[in-house]
Protein backbone atom coordinates (compact mmCIF):
# COMPACT_ATOMS: atom_id res chain seq x y z
CA MET A 1 9.40 34.31 -6.35
CA THR A 2 5.70 35.10 -6.66
CA THR A 3 3.04 33.98 -4.20
CA ALA A 4 1.77 31.45 -6.74
CA GLU A 5 5.26 30.00 -7.19
CA LEU A 6 5.79 29.78 -3.44
CA LEU A 7 2.50 27.91 -3.04
CA VAL A 8 3.43 25.54 -5.87
CA HIS A 9 6.73 24.81 -4.11
CA LEU A 10 4.84 24.09 -0.89
CA ALA A 11 2.46 21.86 -2.88
CA GLY A 12 5.50 19.96 -4.16
CA VAL A 13 6.79 19.41 -0.63
CA HIS A 14 3.26 18.38 0.40
CA SER A 15 3.15 15.78 -2.40
CA LEU A 16 6.59 14.41 -1.53
CA GLY A 17 5.53 14.17 2.11
CA PHE A 18 2.51 12.11 1.16
CA ALA A 19 4.68 9.88 -1.03
CA ALA A 20 6.87 9.18 2.01
CA PHE A 21 3.79 8.60 4.17
CA HIS A 22 2.39 6.08 1.68
CA LEU A 23 5.77 4.31 1.51
CA ALA A 24 5.38 3.67 5.23
CA PHE A 25 1.91 2.08 4.94
CA TRP A 26 3.24 -1.48 5.08
CA ARG A 27 4.84 -0.82 8.47
CA LEU A 28 2.40 1.74 9.89
CA PHE A 29 -0.69 -0.32 9.24
CA GLY A 30 0.83 -3.80 9.66
CA TRP A 31 -0.05 -4.67 6.09
CA LYS A 32 1.85 -7.97 6.10
CA ARG A 33 -0.53 -9.23 8.77
CA GLU A 34 -3.64 -7.20 7.93
CA LEU A 35 -3.65 -7.74 4.17
CA ALA A 36 -3.13 -11.48 4.63
CA GLN A 37 -6.79 -11.61 5.70
CA LEU A 38 -7.92 -10.39 2.27
CA SER A 39 -8.33 -12.42 -0.89
CA THR A 40 -5.30 -12.56 -3.16
CA ALA A 41 -6.94 -10.14 -5.59
CA ASN A 42 -7.91 -7.59 -2.92
CA ARG A 43 -4.48 -7.82 -1.26
CA ALA A 44 -2.83 -7.15 -4.63
CA ILE A 45 -5.22 -4.31 -5.48
CA MET A 46 -4.52 -2.51 -2.17
CA GLN A 47 -0.77 -2.66 -2.69
CA ILE A 48 -0.89 -1.79 -6.39
CA LEU A 49 -3.14 1.22 -5.76
CA ASN A 50 -0.83 2.40 -2.99
CA LEU A 51 2.22 2.09 -5.24
CA ARG A 52 0.47 4.03 -8.04
CA VAL A 53 -0.51 6.80 -5.58
CA ILE A 54 3.14 6.98 -4.46
CA TYR A 55 4.13 7.34 -8.12
CA VAL A 56 1.62 10.19 -8.63
CA PHE A 57 2.77 12.01 -5.49
CA LEU A 58 6.45 11.66 -6.42
CA GLY A 59 5.72 12.84 -9.96
CA MET A 60 3.67 15.82 -8.85
CA GLY A 61 6.25 16.73 -6.22
CA VAL A 62 9.04 16.75 -8.79
CA ILE A 63 6.92 18.63 -11.34
CA ALA A 64 5.96 21.26 -8.76
CA LEU A 65 9.56 21.82 -7.69
CA ALA A 66 11.22 21.58 -11.11
CA PHE A 67 8.59 23.23 -13.34
CA THR A 68 7.09 25.77 -10.98
CA SER A 69 6.74 28.64 -13.44
CA ASP A 70 5.28 26.31 -16.08
CA LEU A 71 2.53 25.34 -13.66
CA VAL A 72 1.49 28.93 -12.99
CA ASP A 73 2.22 30.46 -16.42
CA THR A 74 0.74 27.96 -18.90
CA ARG A 75 -2.76 26.71 -19.58
CA LEU A 76 -1.61 23.12 -19.17
CA GLY A 77 -0.01 23.98 -15.84
CA VAL A 78 -3.19 25.66 -14.58
CA VAL A 79 -5.22 22.61 -15.64
CA LEU A 80 -2.78 20.30 -13.83
CA LEU A 81 -3.06 22.45 -10.69
CA CYS A 82 -6.85 22.25 -10.99
CA PHE A 83 -6.65 18.47 -11.38
CA MET A 84 -4.62 18.17 -8.18
CA ALA A 85 -6.82 20.63 -6.27
CA VAL A 86 -9.85 18.50 -7.13
CA PHE A 87 -7.90 15.35 -6.22
CA TRP A 88 -7.19 16.70 -2.72
CA LEU A 89 -10.67 18.13 -2.24
CA GLY A 90 -12.15 14.77 -3.22
CA ARG A 91 -9.78 13.00 -0.85
CA ALA A 92 -10.88 15.26 2.00
CA LEU A 93 -14.56 14.62 1.27
CA GLU A 94 -13.96 10.86 1.09
CA GLN A 95 -12.81 10.98 4.72
CA PHE A 96 -16.40 11.74 5.71
CA VAL A 97 -17.79 8.92 3.57
CA PHE A 98 -15.33 6.09 4.22
CA LEU A 99 -13.38 6.92 7.39
CA ARG A 100 -15.91 8.02 10.00
CA ILE A 101 -13.54 7.78 12.94
CA ASN A 102 -13.43 10.50 15.59
CA ASP A 103 -9.68 10.48 16.14
CA TRP A 104 -7.25 13.40 16.09
CA ARG A 105 -5.04 11.62 13.54
CA VAL A 106 -7.94 11.28 11.11
CA HIS A 107 -8.80 14.96 11.65
CA LEU A 108 -5.15 15.92 11.07
CA LEU A 109 -5.11 13.99 7.79
CA THR A 110 -8.36 15.65 6.73
CA GLY A 111 -6.75 19.03 7.39
CA LEU A 112 -3.70 18.02 5.35
CA PHE A 113 -5.95 16.98 2.47
CA VAL A 114 -7.70 20.37 2.57
CA LEU A 115 -4.27 22.02 2.70
CA GLY A 116 -3.31 20.12 -0.46
CA ALA A 117 -6.43 21.42 -2.19
CA VAL A 118 -5.63 25.01 -1.16
CA LEU A 119 -1.94 24.74 -2.12
CA HIS A 120 -3.01 23.77 -5.64
CA ALA A 121 -6.20 25.85 -5.99
CA VAL A 122 -4.77 29.24 -5.06
CA PRO A 123 -1.89 29.22 -7.59
CA MET A 124 -4.31 27.73 -10.13
CA TRP A 125 -6.64 30.68 -9.57
CA LEU A 126 -3.79 33.21 -9.68
CA GLY A 127 -2.48 31.67 -12.91
CA PHE A 128 -5.96 31.64 -14.42
CA MET A 129 -6.56 35.29 -13.49
CA ARG A 130 -3.22 36.32 -14.96
CA ALA A 131 -3.99 34.43 -18.17
CA ILE A 132 -7.38 36.09 -18.72
CA SER A 133 -5.99 39.54 -17.97
CA HIS A 134 -3.60 39.36 -20.92
């Protein structure tokens, strides 16, 4: 297994971990009580967006674990890795815009978002460099 493939596997585990984390949002954040304070539309939007993010994380986790070599050896795979690297980088930056809380848990999540960017960006770069060298 190459370094790029190992990192893609770790990215898959990372995505599956975030899917599990998002599945726990209802309990962790007391959404039954907290979301009841929102309008019907906003309550629905929050839950729908969370379910769609879970779907993306599950999908990317499965793709990373089942199609590892395709992600590092094809142009489409490299583009998909780039897409996810930008997703995680954007998510890390959004912490500083929307979640300005000085708490170790917020800082831990920010670190995990940066990790997601790195786990996708490095194999993307390695795949890109291999592609242009041929």
